[in-house]
Amino acid sequence: MLKDNIQKALAPLNLEQVVPGEYDKTGCHLDVTAAPEQVPEVAKAMLSLGCFLECLTGLHYPEHFTLVYHFNNFRELCRTAVHVKVPLDQEAPTISHIYPGANWYEREAYDLYGVRFAGHPDLRRILLPFDADFHPLLKKFEEKPADA
């Protein structure tokens, strides 16, 4: 069973958490928590098992970003969510050299949140104008004067 194989493949990485997910509530069979520096090794393990990167999304908290990588498999349904906390002043490592499709996902996370990916071959805006000076999904808002 793929779920067991994923757990075995991730075990040597000493991740913070690899637990069964609540598929009926979250849509994931496995929930994984990893440190930023572990993401490339997690990606390599998932690729070795025939999994693809379904999506990458982000969440902004006052003290960190949380990146969520969703991996899946065409042959056997086993959706895996990998949660990675990245401090606001640090970069996440790219996985675009492992999953080429991550190139666009990482550019989107940069564009919308300002998350930087170390080693990314072309980290520039993908949705907003190149001269945009903001990241629209950051949860920090400047207060406008009352008379504005």
N, C-alpha and C. Protein backbone atom coordinates (compact mmCIF):
# COMPACT_ATOMS: atom_id res chain seq x y z
N MET A 1 0.85 -1.18 0.00
CA MET A 1 0.00 0.00 0.00
C MET A 1 0.90 1.25 0.00
N LEU A 2 0.56 2.20 -0.86
CA LEU A 2 1.39 3.40 -1.05
C LEU A 2 1.56 4.19 0.25
N LYS A 3 0.51 4.31 1.02
CA LYS A 3 0.59 5.08 2.28
C LYS A 3 1.69 4.52 3.17
N ASP A 4 1.78 3.20 3.29
CA ASP A 4 2.82 2.57 4.10
C ASP A 4 4.20 2.81 3.50
N ASN A 5 4.29 2.73 2.17
CA ASN A 5 5.57 2.96 1.50
C ASN A 5 6.06 4.39 1.68
N ILE A 6 5.13 5.34 1.66
CA ILE A 6 5.51 6.74 1.89
C ILE A 6 6.04 6.91 3.31
N GLN A 7 5.34 6.34 4.28
CA GLN A 7 5.78 6.44 5.67
C GLN A 7 7.17 5.83 5.84
N LYS A 8 7.42 4.69 5.20
CA LYS A 8 8.74 4.04 5.29
C LYS A 8 9.81 4.90 4.62
N ALA A 9 9.48 5.50 3.48
CA ALA A 9 10.46 6.32 2.76
C ALA A 9 10.80 7.60 3.52
N LEU A 10 9.84 8.13 4.26
CA LEU A 10 10.07 9.38 5.00
C LEU A 10 10.69 9.14 6.38
N ALA A 11 10.60 7.93 6.91
CA ALA A 11 11.10 7.64 8.26
C ALA A 11 12.57 8.01 8.45
N PRO A 12 13.48 7.69 7.51
CA PRO A 12 14.89 8.04 7.73
C PRO A 12 15.18 9.54 7.77
N LEU A 13 14.23 10.36 7.34
CA LEU A 13 14.45 11.81 7.31
C LEU A 13 14.26 12.48 8.66
N ASN A 14 13.75 11.72 9.64
CA ASN A 14 13.52 12.26 10.99
C ASN A 14 12.69 13.55 10.96
N LEU A 15 11.57 13.49 10.28
CA LEU A 15 10.68 14.65 10.18
C LEU A 15 9.97 14.88 11.49
N GLU A 16 9.47 16.09 11.67
CA GLU A 16 8.76 16.42 12.91
C GLU A 16 7.53 15.54 13.09
N GLN A 17 6.82 15.28 11.99
CA GLN A 17 5.58 14.50 12.11
C GLN A 17 5.26 13.83 10.78
N VAL A 18 4.87 12.56 10.85
CA VAL A 18 4.30 11.82 9.73
C VAL A 18 3.18 11.00 10.33
N VAL A 19 1.94 11.45 10.15
CA VAL A 19 0.80 10.78 10.78
C VAL A 19 -0.31 10.57 9.75
N PRO A 20 -1.14 9.56 10.00
CA PRO A 20 -2.29 9.38 9.11
C PRO A 20 -3.19 10.61 9.16
N GLY A 21 -3.67 11.01 7.99
CA GLY A 21 -4.58 12.15 7.92
C GLY A 21 -6.02 11.71 8.09
N GLU A 22 -6.89 12.65 8.27
CA GLU A 22 -8.32 12.37 8.34
C GLU A 22 -8.91 12.69 6.98
N TYR A 23 -8.88 11.72 6.09
CA TYR A 23 -9.26 11.94 4.70
C TYR A 23 -10.67 12.54 4.58
N ASP A 24 -11.61 12.07 5.38
CA ASP A 24 -12.98 12.58 5.29
C ASP A 24 -13.10 14.04 5.70
N LYS A 25 -12.14 14.55 6.48
CA LYS A 25 -12.17 15.95 6.92
C LYS A 25 -11.21 16.84 6.14
N THR A 26 -10.02 16.30 5.81
CA THR A 26 -8.97 17.13 5.21
C THR A 26 -8.68 16.79 3.76
N GLY A 27 -9.12 15.64 3.30
CA GLY A 27 -8.81 15.19 1.95
C GLY A 27 -7.41 14.64 1.80
N CYS A 28 -6.73 14.41 2.92
CA CYS A 28 -5.37 13.88 2.89
C CYS A 28 -5.28 12.57 3.66
N HIS A 29 -4.49 11.66 3.10
CA HIS A 29 -4.26 10.37 3.75
C HIS A 29 -3.10 10.42 4.73
N LEU A 30 -2.16 11.33 4.47
CA LEU A 30 -1.01 11.51 5.36
C LEU A 30 -0.78 13.00 5.60
N ASP A 31 -0.47 13.35 6.85
CA ASP A 31 -0.10 14.71 7.21
C ASP A 31 1.35 14.68 7.69
N VAL A 32 2.17 15.50 7.06
CA VAL A 32 3.60 15.53 7.34
C VAL A 32 3.98 16.95 7.75
N THR A 33 4.85 17.06 8.73
CA THR A 33 5.42 18.35 9.11
C THR A 33 6.93 18.23 8.99
N ALA A 34 7.53 19.15 8.23
CA ALA A 34 8.97 19.10 7.98
C ALA A 34 9.58 20.47 8.18
N ALA A 35 10.87 20.48 8.44
CA ALA A 35 11.64 21.74 8.50
C ALA A 35 11.95 22.17 7.08
N PRO A 36 12.16 23.47 6.85
CA PRO A 36 12.43 23.93 5.48
C PRO A 36 13.56 23.18 4.79
N GLU A 37 14.66 22.93 5.50
CA GLU A 37 15.80 22.27 4.87
C GLU A 37 15.53 20.82 4.49
N GLN A 38 14.45 20.24 5.00
CA GLN A 38 14.11 18.85 4.69
C GLN A 38 13.24 18.70 3.44
N VAL A 39 12.70 19.80 2.95
CA VAL A 39 11.76 19.73 1.83
C VAL A 39 12.35 19.06 0.58
N PRO A 40 13.57 19.39 0.16
CA PRO A 40 14.09 18.70 -1.03
C PRO A 40 14.17 17.18 -0.86
N GLU A 41 14.56 16.71 0.31
CA GLU A 41 14.63 15.26 0.53
C GLU A 41 13.24 14.63 0.56
N VAL A 42 12.27 15.34 1.13
CA VAL A 42 10.89 14.86 1.10
C VAL A 42 10.42 14.76 -0.36
N ALA A 43 10.70 15.79 -1.15
CA ALA A 43 10.29 15.79 -2.55
C ALA A 43 10.93 14.64 -3.31
N LYS A 44 12.21 14.38 -3.07
CA LYS A 44 12.89 13.27 -3.74
C LYS A 44 12.25 11.94 -3.36
N ALA A 45 11.91 11.78 -2.09
CA ALA A 45 11.27 10.54 -1.64
C ALA A 45 9.90 10.36 -2.31
N MET A 46 9.15 11.44 -2.38
CA MET A 46 7.82 11.35 -3.01
C MET A 46 7.95 11.03 -4.50
N LEU A 47 8.91 11.64 -5.17
CA LEU A 47 9.13 11.37 -6.59
C LEU A 47 9.54 9.92 -6.81
N SER A 48 10.37 9.39 -5.93
CA SER A 48 10.83 8.01 -6.08
C SER A 48 9.68 7.01 -5.97
N LEU A 49 8.59 7.42 -5.34
CA LEU A 49 7.42 6.55 -5.19
C LEU A 49 6.37 6.83 -6.26
N GLY A 50 6.71 7.65 -7.24
CA GLY A 50 5.79 7.92 -8.34
C GLY A 50 4.75 8.97 -8.04
N CYS A 51 4.98 9.78 -7.02
CA CYS A 51 4.02 10.83 -6.66
C CYS A 51 4.33 12.10 -7.45
N PHE A 52 3.30 12.88 -7.69
CA PHE A 52 3.46 14.17 -8.36
C PHE A 52 3.11 15.28 -7.40
N LEU A 53 3.63 16.47 -7.67
CA LEU A 53 3.31 17.65 -6.86
C LEU A 53 2.01 18.21 -7.39
N GLU A 54 0.96 18.08 -6.60
CA GLU A 54 -0.38 18.53 -7.00
C GLU A 54 -0.49 20.04 -6.90
N CYS A 55 0.01 20.61 -5.80
CA CYS A 55 -0.04 22.06 -5.63
C CYS A 55 0.86 22.48 -4.48
N LEU A 56 1.11 23.75 -4.42
CA LEU A 56 1.84 24.37 -3.32
C LEU A 56 1.07 25.63 -2.97
N THR A 57 0.78 25.78 -1.71
CA THR A 57 0.08 26.98 -1.27
C THR A 57 0.76 27.52 -0.02
N GLY A 58 0.35 28.67 0.41
CA GLY A 58 0.96 29.28 1.59
C GLY A 58 -0.06 29.91 2.51
N LEU A 59 0.37 30.10 3.74
CA LEU A 59 -0.41 30.81 4.74
C LEU A 59 0.54 31.79 5.41
N HIS A 60 0.04 32.96 5.74
CA HIS A 60 0.86 33.97 6.39
C HIS A 60 0.39 34.16 7.82
N TYR A 61 1.33 33.98 8.74
CA TYR A 61 1.08 34.23 10.16
C TYR A 61 2.01 35.37 10.58
N PRO A 62 1.75 36.02 11.71
CA PRO A 62 2.60 37.15 12.11
C PRO A 62 4.09 36.80 12.21
N GLU A 63 4.43 35.57 12.61
CA GLU A 63 5.83 35.22 12.82
C GLU A 63 6.43 34.28 11.78
N HIS A 64 5.61 33.74 10.88
CA HIS A 64 6.14 32.81 9.88
C HIS A 64 5.15 32.60 8.73
N PHE A 65 5.66 32.00 7.67
CA PHE A 65 4.82 31.46 6.61
C PHE A 65 4.69 29.97 6.84
N THR A 66 3.58 29.40 6.45
CA THR A 66 3.47 27.95 6.38
C THR A 66 3.23 27.61 4.92
N LEU A 67 4.14 26.84 4.36
CA LEU A 67 3.97 26.35 3.00
C LEU A 67 3.35 24.97 3.10
N VAL A 68 2.39 24.68 2.23
CA VAL A 68 1.75 23.37 2.21
C VAL A 68 1.91 22.79 0.82
N TYR A 69 2.65 21.70 0.76
CA TYR A 69 2.88 20.98 -0.49
C TYR A 69 1.93 19.78 -0.50
N HIS A 70 1.14 19.64 -1.55
CA HIS A 70 0.27 18.48 -1.69
C HIS A 70 0.83 17.56 -2.77
N PHE A 71 1.08 16.32 -2.39
CA PHE A 71 1.55 15.31 -3.32
C PHE A 71 0.44 14.28 -3.50
N ASN A 72 0.38 13.68 -4.69
CA ASN A 72 -0.63 12.67 -4.96
C ASN A 72 -0.03 11.65 -5.92
N ASN A 73 -0.81 10.67 -6.29
CA ASN A 73 -0.35 9.60 -7.16
C ASN A 73 -1.48 9.19 -8.08
N PHE A 74 -1.16 8.96 -9.35
CA PHE A 74 -2.19 8.57 -10.32
C PHE A 74 -2.61 7.11 -10.16
N ARG A 75 -1.68 6.24 -9.75
CA ARG A 75 -1.98 4.81 -9.70
C ARG A 75 -2.74 4.40 -8.45
N GLU A 76 -2.43 5.05 -7.33
CA GLU A 76 -3.08 4.70 -6.07
C GLU A 76 -3.36 5.98 -5.29
N LEU A 77 -4.60 6.22 -4.98
CA LEU A 77 -4.97 7.44 -4.28
C LEU A 77 -4.30 7.48 -2.91
N CYS A 78 -3.44 8.43 -2.73
CA CYS A 78 -2.79 8.66 -1.44
C CYS A 78 -2.30 10.09 -1.42
N ARG A 79 -3.17 10.99 -1.04
CA ARG A 79 -2.83 12.41 -1.01
C ARG A 79 -2.07 12.71 0.27
N THR A 80 -0.94 13.37 0.12
CA THR A 80 -0.06 13.67 1.24
C THR A 80 0.14 15.18 1.33
N ALA A 81 -0.12 15.75 2.51
CA ALA A 81 0.11 17.18 2.75
C ALA A 81 1.38 17.34 3.58
N VAL A 82 2.30 18.15 3.09
CA VAL A 82 3.55 18.42 3.80
C VAL A 82 3.54 19.88 4.22
N HIS A 83 3.53 20.11 5.53
CA HIS A 83 3.48 21.46 6.11
C HIS A 83 4.89 21.88 6.52
N VAL A 84 5.27 23.09 6.12
CA VAL A 84 6.62 23.59 6.39
C VAL A 84 6.53 25.02 6.90
N LYS A 85 7.00 25.25 8.12
CA LYS A 85 7.04 26.60 8.67
C LYS A 85 8.34 27.27 8.26
N VAL A 86 8.22 28.45 7.67
CA VAL A 86 9.38 29.21 7.22
C VAL A 86 9.35 30.57 7.92
N PRO A 87 10.35 30.88 8.75
CA PRO A 87 10.38 32.21 9.38
C PRO A 87 10.33 33.31 8.32
N LEU A 88 9.72 34.42 8.65
CA LEU A 88 9.54 35.51 7.70
C LEU A 88 10.85 36.03 7.11
N ASP A 89 11.93 35.92 7.86
CA ASP A 89 13.21 36.45 7.39
C ASP A 89 14.10 35.39 6.72
N GLN A 90 13.54 34.22 6.43
CA GLN A 90 14.33 33.16 5.81
C GLN A 90 13.74 32.75 4.47
N GLU A 91 14.55 32.06 3.67
CA GLU A 91 14.11 31.53 2.39
C GLU A 91 13.79 30.05 2.55
N ALA A 92 12.88 29.56 1.74
CA ALA A 92 12.62 28.13 1.65
C ALA A 92 13.46 27.59 0.50
N PRO A 93 13.93 26.36 0.58
CA PRO A 93 14.69 25.82 -0.55
C PRO A 93 13.74 25.48 -1.71
N THR A 94 14.21 25.70 -2.92
CA THR A 94 13.40 25.35 -4.07
C THR A 94 13.37 23.83 -4.26
N ILE A 95 12.29 23.35 -4.85
CA ILE A 95 12.25 21.95 -5.29
C ILE A 95 12.02 21.90 -6.81
N SER A 96 12.24 23.03 -7.47
CA SER A 96 12.00 23.09 -8.92
C SER A 96 12.96 22.22 -9.71
N HIS A 97 14.10 21.87 -9.13
CA HIS A 97 15.03 20.96 -9.80
C HIS A 97 14.60 19.50 -9.65
N ILE A 98 13.67 19.23 -8.74
CA ILE A 98 13.14 17.88 -8.52
C ILE A 98 11.80 17.73 -9.25
N TYR A 99 10.93 18.70 -9.04
CA TYR A 99 9.64 18.78 -9.72
C TYR A 99 9.64 20.06 -10.55
N PRO A 100 9.89 19.99 -11.84
CA PRO A 100 9.94 21.22 -12.66
C PRO A 100 8.68 22.07 -12.55
N GLY A 101 7.52 21.47 -12.34
CA GLY A 101 6.28 22.23 -12.20
C GLY A 101 6.26 23.12 -10.97
N ALA A 102 7.13 22.84 -10.00
CA ALA A 102 7.21 23.67 -8.80
C ALA A 102 7.70 25.07 -9.14
N ASN A 103 8.36 25.21 -10.28
CA ASN A 103 8.86 26.51 -10.70
C ASN A 103 7.74 27.54 -10.65
N TRP A 104 6.61 27.24 -11.27
CA TRP A 104 5.50 28.19 -11.30
C TRP A 104 4.82 28.32 -9.94
N TYR A 105 4.67 27.21 -9.22
CA TYR A 105 4.06 27.29 -7.89
C TYR A 105 4.88 28.19 -6.96
N GLU A 106 6.19 28.04 -7.01
CA GLU A 106 7.05 28.85 -6.15
C GLU A 106 7.03 30.32 -6.58
N ARG A 107 6.98 30.56 -7.87
CA ARG A 107 6.86 31.95 -8.34
C ARG A 107 5.55 32.57 -7.87
N GLU A 108 4.49 31.78 -7.87
CA GLU A 108 3.20 32.29 -7.40
C GLU A 108 3.25 32.61 -5.91
N ALA A 109 3.88 31.73 -5.11
CA ALA A 109 4.02 31.99 -3.67
C ALA A 109 4.85 33.25 -3.43
N TYR A 110 5.88 33.44 -4.24
CA TYR A 110 6.69 34.66 -4.14
C TYR A 110 5.84 35.88 -4.50
N ASP A 111 5.12 35.79 -5.59
CA ASP A 111 4.33 36.91 -6.10
C ASP A 111 3.26 37.33 -5.09
N LEU A 112 2.53 36.37 -4.55
CA LEU A 112 1.39 36.68 -3.70
C LEU A 112 1.73 36.88 -2.22
N TYR A 113 2.79 36.18 -1.75
CA TYR A 113 3.15 36.26 -0.33
C TYR A 113 4.51 36.90 -0.07
N GLY A 114 5.39 36.88 -1.05
CA GLY A 114 6.75 37.36 -0.84
C GLY A 114 7.70 36.30 -0.34
N VAL A 115 7.29 35.03 -0.35
CA VAL A 115 8.17 33.94 0.07
C VAL A 115 9.27 33.79 -0.96
N ARG A 116 10.51 33.77 -0.50
CA ARG A 116 11.66 33.59 -1.40
C ARG A 116 12.11 32.13 -1.34
N PHE A 117 12.53 31.62 -2.49
CA PHE A 117 12.98 30.23 -2.60
C PHE A 117 14.44 30.20 -3.02
N ALA A 118 15.30 29.76 -2.12
CA ALA A 118 16.74 29.69 -2.38
C ALA A 118 17.01 28.70 -3.50
N GLY A 119 17.79 29.14 -4.48
CA GLY A 119 18.16 28.26 -5.58
C GLY A 119 17.18 28.23 -6.73
N HIS A 120 16.11 29.01 -6.63
CA HIS A 120 15.12 29.02 -7.71
C HIS A 120 15.75 29.65 -8.96
N PRO A 121 15.55 29.04 -10.14
CA PRO A 121 16.22 29.54 -11.35
C PRO A 121 15.64 30.83 -11.93
N ASP A 122 14.42 31.21 -11.54
CA ASP A 122 13.80 32.37 -12.18
C ASP A 122 12.73 32.96 -11.27
N LEU A 123 13.13 33.37 -10.07
CA LEU A 123 12.15 33.85 -9.09
C LEU A 123 11.76 35.29 -9.42
N ARG A 124 10.70 35.43 -10.18
CA ARG A 124 10.15 36.74 -10.52
C ARG A 124 8.64 36.62 -10.53
N ARG A 125 7.98 37.74 -10.59
CA ARG A 125 6.51 37.75 -10.54
C ARG A 125 5.93 36.96 -11.70
N ILE A 126 4.76 36.37 -11.44
CA ILE A 126 4.11 35.55 -12.47
C ILE A 126 2.68 36.02 -12.73
N LEU A 127 2.05 36.67 -11.76
CA LEU A 127 0.66 37.12 -11.92
C LEU A 127 0.54 38.64 -11.93
N LEU A 128 1.25 39.28 -11.03
CA LEU A 128 1.16 40.73 -10.89
C LEU A 128 2.16 41.42 -11.83
N PRO A 129 1.97 42.71 -12.07
CA PRO A 129 2.96 43.43 -12.89
C PRO A 129 4.34 43.34 -12.24
N PHE A 130 5.37 43.29 -13.07
CA PHE A 130 6.74 43.15 -12.57
C PHE A 130 7.13 44.28 -11.62
N ASP A 131 6.54 45.47 -11.78
CA ASP A 131 6.91 46.59 -10.92
C ASP A 131 6.02 46.72 -9.68
N ALA A 132 5.17 45.75 -9.42
CA ALA A 132 4.32 45.80 -8.22
C ALA A 132 5.20 45.84 -6.98
N ASP A 133 4.82 46.67 -6.02
CA ASP A 133 5.63 46.82 -4.81
C ASP A 133 4.91 46.26 -3.58
N PHE A 134 4.07 45.24 -3.79
CA PHE A 134 3.32 44.65 -2.69
C PHE A 134 3.09 43.16 -2.99
N HIS A 135 2.70 42.44 -1.95
CA HIS A 135 2.33 41.03 -2.04
C HIS A 135 0.92 40.93 -1.45
N PRO A 136 -0.10 40.77 -2.28
CA PRO A 136 -1.48 40.96 -1.85
C PRO A 136 -2.02 39.99 -0.81
N LEU A 137 -1.41 38.84 -0.60
CA LEU A 137 -1.96 37.91 0.38
C LEU A 137 -1.29 38.00 1.76
N LEU A 138 -0.38 38.96 1.92
CA LEU A 138 0.18 39.20 3.25
C LEU A 138 -0.91 39.78 4.14
N LYS A 139 -0.93 39.35 5.39
CA LYS A 139 -1.98 39.83 6.30
C LYS A 139 -1.48 40.98 7.14
N LYS A 140 -0.90 41.94 6.49
CA LYS A 140 -0.55 43.17 7.21
C LYS A 140 -1.09 44.32 6.37
N PHE A 141 -1.87 45.12 7.02
CA PHE A 141 -2.55 46.20 6.32
C PHE A 141 -2.14 47.52 6.92
N GLU A 142 -1.87 48.47 6.07
CA GLU A 142 -1.54 49.80 6.54
C GLU A 142 -2.84 50.53 6.84
N GLU A 143 -2.86 51.19 7.97
CA GLU A 143 -4.05 51.94 8.32
C GLU A 143 -4.09 53.23 7.51
N LYS A 144 -5.27 53.54 7.02
CA LYS A 144 -5.45 54.78 6.25
C LYS A 144 -6.00 55.84 7.19
N PRO A 145 -5.63 57.06 6.94
CA PRO A 145 -6.17 58.15 7.80
C PRO A 145 -7.70 58.16 7.70
N ALA A 146 -8.32 58.59 8.78
CA ALA A 146 -9.78 58.60 8.86
C ALA A 146 -10.41 59.48 7.79
N ASP A 147 -9.73 60.54 7.36
CA ASP A 147 -10.31 61.45 6.37
C ASP A 147 -10.05 61.00 4.92
N ALA A 148 -9.43 59.86 4.74
CA ALA A 148 -9.11 59.41 3.37
C ALA A 148 -10.30 58.76 2.70
